[in-house]
Amino acid sequence: MLVQHHHAHIASAMAEHGLDGAARVIGVAFDGTGYGDDGTVWGGEILLAGYTGFRRLAHLAPAPLPGADAGVANPCRLALARLWAAGLPWDPDLPAVAACAPDELTLLEGQLKRDVACAPTSSMGRLFDAVSSLVGVCHRAGYEAQAALELEAAAASAWEAGTSAYAFGFARGVFDPAPVLGALVADLRRGTPAAVLAARFHRAVARAVAQACRRTRQNTGLATVALSGGVFANALLEEECARLLSEDGFAVLRHGEVPPNDGGLALGQLVVAAHLRQEE
């Protein structure tokens, strides 16, 4: 029996909190990689989910993932792919551009233009990697999630310095990071410290989550949100999402005993499969 990756993430959070599946939840599934029903790589998903099914309500705007695993190991390439998708130039003063050799830039540009080995992805994890390079924190990853972890650490060091945030675009179920990236580039050129940029980005993601959940509540009446997926191992982001949602009247399901990453995936797969089997 096949269970979709992000559906299993949300089901794992539901199961950890003892939900019987009688009511659906708003599921926020943010991770690095998980195949979607449309054949693309998902990872920035807002789902309407129960144990026996789910519906994709909103997602991060996709961008090319150049070279798949090779791209993941090189956050600077992910940053350039995100800039390219947003229609922003690769100016040489940007840290992510400066981190790439001229021949690497030429190869990557050709790859993106010809759509060669560039699977589209809506992954929030890959966006964190891209932003980490864009603000000059991490350009090459030597271990899993290095770029995102270092971006979180930078954001934490400036968290109390202010409460300003960037803003995603939102239309027709897609939250678009292009305005965020444009604002990041502008602030970078003003000399804003990387830690402040990182904090503003974290708050932007949290506010986009809250906005998407409010819209879903208006359309469905649901007021329970499950946060799952490896991106929510980021304590700063998870706490800010939970705070905004709770203040807005949502019940928030967060992982505690079960890990939010793929370590908790089997629990979600199990409960989904069990409920589907009962319906047969």
C-alpha atoms as a PDB file:
ATOM      1  CA  MET A   1       0.000   0.000   0.000  1.00  0.00           C
ATOM      2  CA  LEU A   2       1.410   3.371  -1.039  1.00  0.00           C
ATOM      3  CA  VAL A   3       1.219   6.354   1.342  1.00  0.00           C
ATOM      4  CA  GLN A   4       2.183   9.792   0.067  1.00  0.00           C
ATOM      5  CA  HIS A   5       5.204  11.200   1.887  1.00  0.00           C
ATOM      6  CA  HIS A   6       3.746  14.465   3.196  1.00  0.00           C
ATOM      7  CA  HIS A   7       0.423  12.862   4.066  1.00  0.00           C
ATOM      8  CA  ALA A   8       2.406  10.476   6.272  1.00  0.00           C
ATOM      9  CA  HIS A   9       4.175  13.406   7.955  1.00  0.00           C
ATOM     10  CA  ILE A  10       0.870  14.993   8.960  1.00  0.00           C
ATOM     11  CA  ALA A  11      -0.597  11.632  10.004  1.00  0.00           C
ATOM     12  CA  SER A  12       2.399  11.070  12.297  1.00  0.00           C
ATOM     13  CA  ALA A  13       1.681  14.332  14.121  1.00  0.00           C
ATOM     14  CA  MET A  14      -2.004  13.440  14.384  1.00  0.00           C
ATOM     15  CA  ALA A  15      -1.195  10.003  15.756  1.00  0.00           C
ATOM     16  CA  GLU A  16       1.291  11.354  18.297  1.00  0.00           C
ATOM     17  CA  HIS A  17      -1.472  13.563  19.684  1.00  0.00           C
ATOM     18  CA  GLY A  18      -3.960  10.699  19.819  1.00  0.00           C
ATOM     19  CA  LEU A  19      -6.363  11.896  17.129  1.00  0.00           C
ATOM     20  CA  ASP A  20      -8.751   9.196  15.973  1.00  0.00           C
ATOM     21  CA  GLY A  21      -9.045  10.583  12.461  1.00  0.00           C
ATOM     22  CA  ALA A  22     -12.718  11.473  12.738  1.00  0.00           C
ATOM     23  CA  ALA A  23     -11.879  15.097  11.984  1.00  0.00           C
ATOM     24  CA  ARG A  24      -9.400  16.447   9.456  1.00  0.00           C
ATOM     25  CA  VAL A  25      -6.650  18.959  10.215  1.00  0.00           C
ATOM     26  CA  ILE A  26      -4.774  21.670   8.370  1.00  0.00           C
ATOM     27  CA  GLY A  27      -1.402  20.059   7.751  1.00  0.00           C
ATOM     28  CA  VAL A  28       1.747  22.101   7.245  1.00  0.00           C
ATOM     29  CA  ALA A  29       4.347  19.704   5.822  1.00  0.00           C
ATOM     30  CA  PHE A  30       7.715  21.373   5.249  1.00  0.00           C
ATOM     31  CA  ASP A  31      10.772  19.265   4.410  1.00  0.00           C
ATOM     32  CA  GLY A  32      13.587  18.804   1.951  1.00  0.00           C
ATOM     33  CA  THR A  33      12.350  16.139  -0.441  1.00  0.00           C
ATOM     34  CA  GLY A  34       9.236  14.063  -0.914  1.00  0.00           C
ATOM     35  CA  TYR A  35       7.621  13.008  -4.163  1.00  0.00           C
ATOM     36  CA  GLY A  36       4.249  14.546  -4.878  1.00  0.00           C
ATOM     37  CA  ASP A  37       1.216  13.174  -6.654  1.00  0.00           C
ATOM     38  CA  ASP A  38       2.004  15.325  -9.699  1.00  0.00           C
ATOM     39  CA  GLY A  39       5.429  13.773 -10.250  1.00  0.00           C
ATOM     40  CA  THR A  40       7.380  16.760  -8.922  1.00  0.00           C
ATOM     41  CA  VAL A  41       9.360  17.113  -5.715  1.00  0.00           C
ATOM     42  CA  TRP A  42       7.198  18.551  -2.923  1.00  0.00           C
ATOM     43  CA  GLY A  43       8.243  19.965   0.422  1.00  0.00           C
ATOM     44  CA  GLY A  44       6.403  23.232   1.094  1.00  0.00           C
ATOM     45  CA  GLU A  45       2.841  21.964   1.497  1.00  0.00           C
ATOM     46  CA  ILE A  46      -0.404  23.046   3.128  1.00  0.00           C
ATOM     47  CA  LEU A  47      -2.710  20.034   3.200  1.00  0.00           C
ATOM     48  CA  LEU A  48      -6.262  19.271   4.248  1.00  0.00           C
ATOM     49  CA  ALA A  49      -5.612  15.887   5.818  1.00  0.00           C
ATOM     50  CA  GLY A  50      -7.126  12.990   7.693  1.00  0.00           C
ATOM     51  CA  TYR A  51      -5.935   9.420   7.993  1.00  0.00           C
ATOM     52  CA  THR A  52      -7.812   8.199   4.916  1.00  0.00           C
ATOM     53  CA  GLY A  53      -6.854  10.963   2.514  1.00  0.00           C
ATOM     54  CA  PHE A  54      -5.546  14.442   1.894  1.00  0.00           C
ATOM     55  CA  ARG A  55      -5.910  17.359  -0.477  1.00  0.00           C
ATOM     56  CA  ARG A  56      -3.182  19.805  -1.422  1.00  0.00           C
ATOM     57  CA  LEU A  57      -4.510  23.285  -0.639  1.00  0.00           C
ATOM     58  CA  ALA A  58      -1.443  25.480  -1.085  1.00  0.00           C
ATOM     59  CA  HIS A  59       2.272  25.166  -1.653  1.00  0.00           C
ATOM     60  CA  LEU A  60       5.499  27.057  -2.091  1.00  0.00           C
ATOM     61  CA  ALA A  61       6.076  28.239  -5.654  1.00  0.00           C
ATOM     62  CA  PRO A  62       8.335  25.673  -7.339  1.00  0.00           C
ATOM     63  CA  ALA A  63      11.840  26.348  -8.600  1.00  0.00           C
ATOM     64  CA  PRO A  64      14.343  24.175 -10.455  1.00  0.00           C
ATOM     65  CA  LEU A  65      16.535  21.834  -8.422  1.00  0.00           C
ATOM     66  CA  PRO A  66      19.694  21.749 -10.553  1.00  0.00           C
ATOM     67  CA  GLY A  67      21.550  18.474 -10.387  1.00  0.00           C
ATOM     68  CA  ALA A  68      19.362  16.954  -7.671  1.00  0.00           C
ATOM     69  CA  ASP A  69      21.726  15.711  -4.912  1.00  0.00           C
ATOM     70  CA  ALA A  70      24.589  17.743  -6.376  1.00  0.00           C
ATOM     71  CA  GLY A  71      22.442  20.848  -5.980  1.00  0.00           C
ATOM     72  CA  VAL A  72      21.601  20.018  -2.373  1.00  0.00           C
ATOM     73  CA  ALA A  73      25.326  19.839  -1.551  1.00  0.00           C
ATOM     74  CA  ASN A  74      25.828  23.284  -3.093  1.00  0.00           C
ATOM     75  CA  PRO A  75      23.426  25.817  -1.564  1.00  0.00           C
ATOM     76  CA  CYS A  76      24.920  28.551  -3.741  1.00  0.00           C
ATOM     77  CA  ARG A  77      23.477  26.766  -6.786  1.00  0.00           C
ATOM     78  CA  LEU A  78      20.090  26.557  -5.095  1.00  0.00           C
ATOM     79  CA  ALA A  79      20.272  30.287  -4.396  1.00  0.00           C
ATOM     80  CA  LEU A  80      20.988  31.036  -8.045  1.00  0.00           C
ATOM     81  CA  ALA A  81      18.147  28.745  -9.155  1.00  0.00           C
ATOM     82  CA  ARG A  82      15.752  30.589  -6.825  1.00  0.00           C
ATOM     83  CA  LEU A  83      16.967  33.976  -8.129  1.00  0.00           C
ATOM     84  CA  TRP A  84      16.498  32.718 -11.680  1.00  0.00           C
ATOM     85  CA  ALA A  85      12.952  31.521 -10.939  1.00  0.00           C
ATOM     86  CA  ALA A  86      12.164  34.898  -9.363  1.00  0.00           C
ATOM     87  CA  GLY A  87      13.510  36.820 -12.348  1.00  0.00           C
ATOM     88  CA  LEU A  88      16.308  38.391 -10.298  1.00  0.00           C
ATOM     89  CA  PRO A  89      19.762  38.908 -11.852  1.00  0.00           C
ATOM     90  CA  TRP A  90      22.920  37.108 -10.814  1.00  0.00           C
ATOM     91  CA  ASP A  91      24.832  40.256  -9.928  1.00  0.00           C
ATOM     92  CA  PRO A  92      28.473  39.571  -9.019  1.00  0.00           C
ATOM     93  CA  ASP A  93      28.201  41.436  -5.703  1.00  0.00           C
ATOM     94  CA  LEU A  94      25.805  38.825  -4.307  1.00  0.00           C
ATOM     95  CA  PRO A  95      27.533  36.296  -1.995  1.00  0.00           C
ATOM     96  CA  ALA A  96      25.944  33.282  -3.710  1.00  0.00           C
ATOM     97  CA  VAL A  97      27.171  34.466  -7.106  1.00  0.00           C
ATOM     98  CA  ALA A  98      30.650  35.260  -5.814  1.00  0.00           C
ATOM     99  CA  ALA A  99      30.855  31.764  -4.311  1.00  0.00           C
ATOM    100  CA  CYS A 100      30.636  30.149  -7.760  1.00  0.00           C
ATOM    101  CA  ALA A 101      33.495  29.928 -10.225  1.00  0.00           C
ATOM    102  CA  PRO A 102      32.888  31.485 -13.679  1.00  0.00           C
ATOM    103  CA  ASP A 103      32.664  28.095 -15.394  1.00  0.00           C
ATOM    104  CA  GLU A 104      30.212  26.908 -12.718  1.00  0.00           C
ATOM    105  CA  LEU A 105      28.014  29.934 -13.388  1.00  0.00           C
ATOM    106  CA  THR A 106      28.104  29.317 -17.133  1.00  0.00           C
ATOM    107  CA  LEU A 107      27.232  25.646 -16.711  1.00  0.00           C
ATOM    108  CA  LEU A 108      24.412  26.380 -14.281  1.00  0.00           C
ATOM    109  CA  GLU A 109      22.930  29.074 -16.502  1.00  0.00           C
ATOM    110  CA  GLY A 110      22.885  26.705 -19.457  1.00  0.00           C
ATOM    111  CA  GLN A 111      21.384  23.960 -17.330  1.00  0.00           C
ATOM    112  CA  LEU A 112      18.548  26.208 -16.172  1.00  0.00           C
ATOM    113  CA  LYS A 113      17.844  27.658 -19.609  1.00  0.00           C
ATOM    114  CA  ARG A 114      17.711  24.215 -21.227  1.00  0.00           C
ATOM    115  CA  ASP A 115      15.922  22.603 -18.274  1.00  0.00           C
ATOM    116  CA  VAL A 116      18.526  19.833 -18.050  1.00  0.00           C
ATOM    117  CA  ALA A 117      18.428  17.775 -14.825  1.00  0.00           C
ATOM    118  CA  CYS A 118      16.363  20.501 -13.176  1.00  0.00           C
ATOM    119  CA  ALA A 119      13.434  18.805 -11.458  1.00  0.00           C
ATOM    120  CA  PRO A 120      10.945  21.380 -10.157  1.00  0.00           C
ATOM    121  CA  THR A 121      10.603  21.449  -6.391  1.00  0.00           C
ATOM    122  CA  SER A 122       8.326  23.228  -3.926  1.00  0.00           C
ATOM    123  CA  SER A 123      10.646  22.259  -1.069  1.00  0.00           C
ATOM    124  CA  MET A 124      10.793  24.661   1.868  1.00  0.00           C
ATOM    125  CA  GLY A 125      13.978  22.949   3.008  1.00  0.00           C
ATOM    126  CA  ARG A 126      15.683  23.830  -0.258  1.00  0.00           C
ATOM    127  CA  LEU A 127      14.484  27.439   0.085  1.00  0.00           C
ATOM    128  CA  PHE A 128      16.171  27.628   3.501  1.00  0.00           C
ATOM    129  CA  ASP A 129      19.363  26.293   1.893  1.00  0.00           C
ATOM    130  CA  ALA A 130      19.119  28.876  -0.879  1.00  0.00           C
ATOM    131  CA  VAL A 131      18.586  31.777   1.518  1.00  0.00           C
ATOM    132  CA  SER A 132      21.503  30.595   3.659  1.00  0.00           C
ATOM    133  CA  SER A 133      23.790  31.072   0.673  1.00  0.00           C
ATOM    134  CA  LEU A 134      22.066  34.216  -0.558  1.00  0.00           C
ATOM    135  CA  VAL A 135      22.806  36.058   2.704  1.00  0.00           C
ATOM    136  CA  GLY A 136      26.364  34.696   2.832  1.00  0.00           C
ATOM    137  CA  VAL A 137      26.036  32.119   5.623  1.00  0.00           C
ATOM    138  CA  CYS A 138      26.711  28.766   3.883  1.00  0.00           C
ATOM    139  CA  HIS A 139      27.583  28.124   0.252  1.00  0.00           C
ATOM    140  CA  ARG A 140      28.726  24.487   0.346  1.00  0.00           C
ATOM    141  CA  ALA A 141      27.202  21.860   2.623  1.00  0.00           C
ATOM    142  CA  GLY A 142      29.440  19.216   4.142  1.00  0.00           C
ATOM    143  CA  TYR A 143      26.662  17.431   6.034  1.00  0.00           C
ATOM    144  CA  GLU A 144      22.892  17.132   5.888  1.00  0.00           C
ATOM    145  CA  ALA A 145      20.975  20.355   6.626  1.00  0.00           C
ATOM    146  CA  GLN A 146      24.176  22.312   7.302  1.00  0.00           C
ATOM    147  CA  ALA A 147      23.009  25.413   5.429  1.00  0.00           C
ATOM    148  CA  ALA A 148      19.618  25.490   7.151  1.00  0.00           C
ATOM    149  CA  LEU A 149      21.123  24.847  10.601  1.00  0.00           C
ATOM    150  CA  GLU A 150      23.622  27.660  10.196  1.00  0.00           C
ATOM    151  CA  LEU A 151      20.867  29.982   8.956  1.00  0.00           C
ATOM    152  CA  GLU A 152      18.780  29.146  12.045  1.00  0.00           C
ATOM    153  CA  ALA A 153      21.765  29.839  14.312  1.00  0.00           C
ATOM    154  CA  ALA A 154      22.336  33.183  12.620  1.00  0.00           C
ATOM    155  CA  ALA A 155      18.656  34.103  12.982  1.00  0.00           C
ATOM    156  CA  ALA A 156      18.663  33.135  16.671  1.00  0.00           C
ATOM    157  CA  SER A 157      21.580  35.476  17.351  1.00  0.00           C
ATOM    158  CA  ALA A 158      19.557  38.452  16.044  1.00  0.00           C
ATOM    159  CA  TRP A 159      16.053  37.351  17.071  1.00  0.00           C
ATOM    160  CA  GLU A 160      15.680  39.966  19.810  1.00  0.00           C
ATOM    161  CA  ALA A 161      17.028  42.770  17.621  1.00  0.00           C
ATOM    162  CA  GLY A 162      13.649  43.434  15.984  1.00  0.00           C
ATOM    163  CA  THR A 163      10.360  42.006  14.815  1.00  0.00           C
ATOM    164  CA  SER A 164      10.308  43.025  11.151  1.00  0.00           C
ATOM    165  CA  ALA A 165       9.728  40.370   8.507  1.00  0.00           C
ATOM    166  CA  TYR A 166       9.629  39.994   4.764  1.00  0.00           C
ATOM    167  CA  ALA A 167       6.380  39.071   3.019  1.00  0.00           C
ATOM    168  CA  PHE A 168       5.652  36.253   0.586  1.00  0.00           C
ATOM    169  CA  GLY A 169       3.302  36.802  -2.307  1.00  0.00           C
ATOM    170  CA  PHE A 170       0.156  34.695  -2.111  1.00  0.00           C
ATOM    171  CA  ALA A 171      -2.221  33.950  -4.975  1.00  0.00           C
ATOM    172  CA  ARG A 172      -4.260  30.949  -6.127  1.00  0.00           C
ATOM    173  CA  GLY A 173      -2.863  28.642  -3.489  1.00  0.00           C
ATOM    174  CA  VAL A 174       0.786  29.450  -4.152  1.00  0.00           C
ATOM    175  CA  PHE A 175       3.025  31.397  -1.783  1.00  0.00           C
ATOM    176  CA  ASP A 176       5.723  33.050  -3.820  1.00  0.00           C
ATOM    177  CA  PRO A 177       9.165  33.781  -2.325  1.00  0.00           C
ATOM    178  CA  ALA A 178      10.128  36.236  -5.102  1.00  0.00           C
ATOM    179  CA  PRO A 179       9.215  39.334  -3.007  1.00  0.00           C
ATOM    180  CA  VAL A 180      11.173  37.898  -0.078  1.00  0.00           C
ATOM    181  CA  LEU A 181      14.244  37.293  -2.223  1.00  0.00           C
ATOM    182  CA  GLY A 182      14.034  40.767  -3.746  1.00  0.00           C
ATOM    183  CA  ALA A 183      13.836  42.353  -0.282  1.00  0.00           C
ATOM    184  CA  LEU A 184      16.720  40.212   0.963  1.00  0.00           C
ATOM    185  CA  VAL A 185      18.913  41.370  -1.915  1.00  0.00           C
ATOM    186  CA  ALA A 186      17.984  45.012  -1.277  1.00  0.00           C
ATOM    187  CA  ASP A 187      18.767  44.722   2.456  1.00  0.00           C
ATOM    188  CA  LEU A 188      21.999  42.904   1.697  1.00  0.00           C
ATOM    189  CA  ARG A 189      23.121  45.847  -0.421  1.00  0.00           C
ATOM    190  CA  ARG A 190      22.231  48.247   2.395  1.00  0.00           C
ATOM    191  CA  GLY A 191      24.722  46.412   4.561  1.00  0.00           C
ATOM    192  CA  THR A 192      22.168  44.729   6.819  1.00  0.00           C
ATOM    193  CA  PRO A 193      23.902  41.981   8.838  1.00  0.00           C
ATOM    194  CA  ALA A 194      23.295  38.423   7.675  1.00  0.00           C
ATOM    195  CA  ALA A 195      21.861  37.460  11.084  1.00  0.00           C
ATOM    196  CA  VAL A 196      19.167  40.133  10.802  1.00  0.00           C
ATOM    197  CA  LEU A 197      18.320  38.985   7.267  1.00  0.00           C
ATOM    198  CA  ALA A 198      18.053  35.398   8.536  1.00  0.00           C
ATOM    199  CA  ALA A 199      15.692  36.444  11.340  1.00  0.00           C
ATOM    200  CA  ARG A 200      13.483  38.406   8.949  1.00  0.00           C
ATOM    201  CA  PHE A 201      13.310  35.388   6.653  1.00  0.00           C
ATOM    202  CA  HIS A 202      12.300  33.033   9.478  1.00  0.00           C
ATOM    203  CA  ARG A 203       9.530  35.420  10.492  1.00  0.00           C
ATOM    204  CA  ALA A 204       8.419  35.676   6.863  1.00  0.00           C
ATOM    205  CA  VAL A 205       7.960  31.914   6.639  1.00  0.00           C
ATOM    206  CA  ALA A 206       6.050  31.800   9.922  1.00  0.00           C
ATOM    207  CA  ARG A 207       3.742  34.604   8.816  1.00  0.00           C
ATOM    208  CA  ALA A 208       3.121  32.853   5.489  1.00  0.00           C
ATOM    209  CA  VAL A 209       2.116  29.717   7.418  1.00  0.00           C
ATOM    210  CA  ALA A 210      -0.284  31.724   9.590  1.00  0.00           C
ATOM    211  CA  GLN A 211      -1.764  33.447   6.544  1.00  0.00           C
ATOM    212  CA  ALA A 212      -2.298  30.169   4.681  1.00  0.00           C
ATOM    213  CA  CYS A 213      -3.923  28.583   7.732  1.00  0.00           C
ATOM    214  CA  ARG A 214      -6.261  31.547   8.220  1.00  0.00           C
ATOM    215  CA  ARG A 215      -7.397  31.271   4.614  1.00  0.00           C
ATOM    216  CA  THR A 216      -7.964  27.560   5.035  1.00  0.00           C
ATOM    217  CA  ARG A 217      -9.997  28.114   8.191  1.00  0.00           C
ATOM    218  CA  GLN A 218     -12.182  30.627   6.363  1.00  0.00           C
ATOM    219  CA  ASN A 219     -12.888  28.056   3.650  1.00  0.00           C
ATOM    220  CA  THR A 220     -13.221  24.917   5.772  1.00  0.00           C
ATOM    221  CA  GLY A 221     -13.959  25.935   9.349  1.00  0.00           C
ATOM    222  CA  LEU A 222     -11.030  23.821  10.564  1.00  0.00           C
ATOM    223  CA  ALA A 223      -8.988  25.262  13.423  1.00  0.00           C
ATOM    224  CA  THR A 224      -6.439  22.530  14.202  1.00  0.00           C
ATOM    225  CA  VAL A 225      -3.010  22.762  12.565  1.00  0.00           C
ATOM    226  CA  ALA A 226      -0.386  19.995  12.486  1.00  0.00           C
ATOM    227  CA  LEU A 227       3.238  21.044  11.934  1.00  0.00           C
ATOM    228  CA  SER A 228       5.441  18.279  10.546  1.00  0.00           C
ATOM    229  CA  GLY A 229       8.398  17.573   8.284  1.00  0.00           C
ATOM    230  CA  GLY A 230      12.120  18.015   8.789  1.00  0.00           C
ATOM    231  CA  VAL A 231      12.025  21.806   8.462  1.00  0.00           C
ATOM    232  CA  PHE A 232      10.200  21.879  11.811  1.00  0.00           C
ATOM    233  CA  ALA A 233      13.299  20.519  13.508  1.00  0.00           C
ATOM    234  CA  ASN A 234      14.131  24.225  13.301  1.00  0.00           C
ATOM    235  CA  ALA A 235      13.059  25.228  16.821  1.00  0.00           C
ATOM    236  CA  LEU A 236      13.027  28.932  16.013  1.00  0.00           C
ATOM    237  CA  LEU A 237      10.643  28.500  13.101  1.00  0.00           C
ATOM    238  CA  GLU A 238       8.426  25.973  14.879  1.00  0.00           C
ATOM    239  CA  GLU A 239       8.081  28.181  17.948  1.00  0.00           C
ATOM    240  CA  GLU A 240       7.224  31.270  15.896  1.00  0.00           C
ATOM    241  CA  CYS A 241       4.658  29.361  13.806  1.00  0.00           C
ATOM    242  CA  ALA A 242       3.078  27.910  16.936  1.00  0.00           C
ATOM    243  CA  ARG A 243       2.993  31.323  18.627  1.00  0.00           C
ATOM    244  CA  LEU A 244       1.309  33.065  15.689  1.00  0.00           C
ATOM    245  CA  LEU A 245      -1.194  30.268  15.181  1.00  0.00           C
ATOM    246  CA  SER A 246      -2.066  29.982  18.866  1.00  0.00           C
ATOM    247  CA  GLU A 247      -2.585  33.739  19.129  1.00  0.00           C
ATOM    248  CA  ASP A 248      -4.932  33.436  16.153  1.00  0.00           C
ATOM    249  CA  GLY A 249      -7.064  30.813  17.906  1.00  0.00           C
ATOM    250  CA  PHE A 250      -5.703  27.629  16.329  1.00  0.00           C
ATOM    251  CA  ALA A 251      -4.971  24.418  18.188  1.00  0.00           C
ATOM    252  CA  VAL A 252      -1.424  23.494  17.179  1.00  0.00           C
ATOM    253  CA  LEU A 253      -0.113  19.923  17.010  1.00  0.00           C
ATOM    254  CA  ARG A 254       3.669  19.847  17.411  1.00  0.00           C
ATOM    255  CA  HIS A 255       5.993  16.885  17.572  1.00  0.00           C
ATOM    256  CA  GLY A 256       7.480  15.940  20.914  1.00  0.00           C
ATOM    257  CA  GLU A 257       8.138  12.215  21.286  1.00  0.00           C
ATOM    258  CA  VAL A 258       8.026  11.492  17.543  1.00  0.00           C
ATOM    259  CA  PRO A 259      10.589  13.335  15.416  1.00  0.00           C
ATOM    260  CA  PRO A 260       9.207  15.723  12.774  1.00  0.00           C
ATOM    261  CA  ASN A 261      11.636  14.501  10.117  1.00  0.00           C
ATOM    262  CA  ASP A 262      11.626  11.172   8.286  1.00  0.00           C
ATOM    263  CA  GLY A 263      12.377   9.427  11.584  1.00  0.00           C
ATOM    264  CA  GLY A 264       8.679   9.774  12.350  1.00  0.00           C
ATOM    265  CA  LEU A 265       7.434   8.900   8.893  1.00  0.00           C
ATOM    266  CA  ALA A 266       6.789   5.196   9.591  1.00  0.00           C
ATOM    267  CA  LEU A 267       4.218   6.046  12.267  1.00  0.00           C
ATOM    268  CA  GLY A 268       2.255   8.132   9.798  1.00  0.00           C
ATOM    269  CA  GLN A 269       2.484   5.465   7.122  1.00  0.00           C
ATOM    270  CA  LEU A 270       1.273   2.853   9.570  1.00  0.00           C
ATOM    271  CA  VAL A 271      -1.817   4.730  10.765  1.00  0.00           C
ATOM    272  CA  VAL A 272      -2.789   5.765   7.231  1.00  0.00           C
ATOM    273  CA  ALA A 273      -2.430   2.191   5.962  1.00  0.00           C
ATOM    274  CA  ALA A 274      -4.401   0.830   8.931  1.00  0.00           C
ATOM    275  CA  HIS A 275      -7.305   3.211   8.388  1.00  0.00           C
ATOM    276  CA  LEU A 276      -7.371   2.594   4.644  1.00  0.00           C
ATOM    277  CA  ARG A 277      -7.362  -1.162   5.270  1.00  0.00           C
ATOM    278  CA  GLN A 278     -10.370  -0.775   7.593  1.00  0.00           C
ATOM    279  CA  GLU A 279     -12.275   0.908   4.775  1.00  0.00           C
ATOM    280  CA  GLU A 280     -11.721  -1.968   2.354  1.00  0.00           C
END
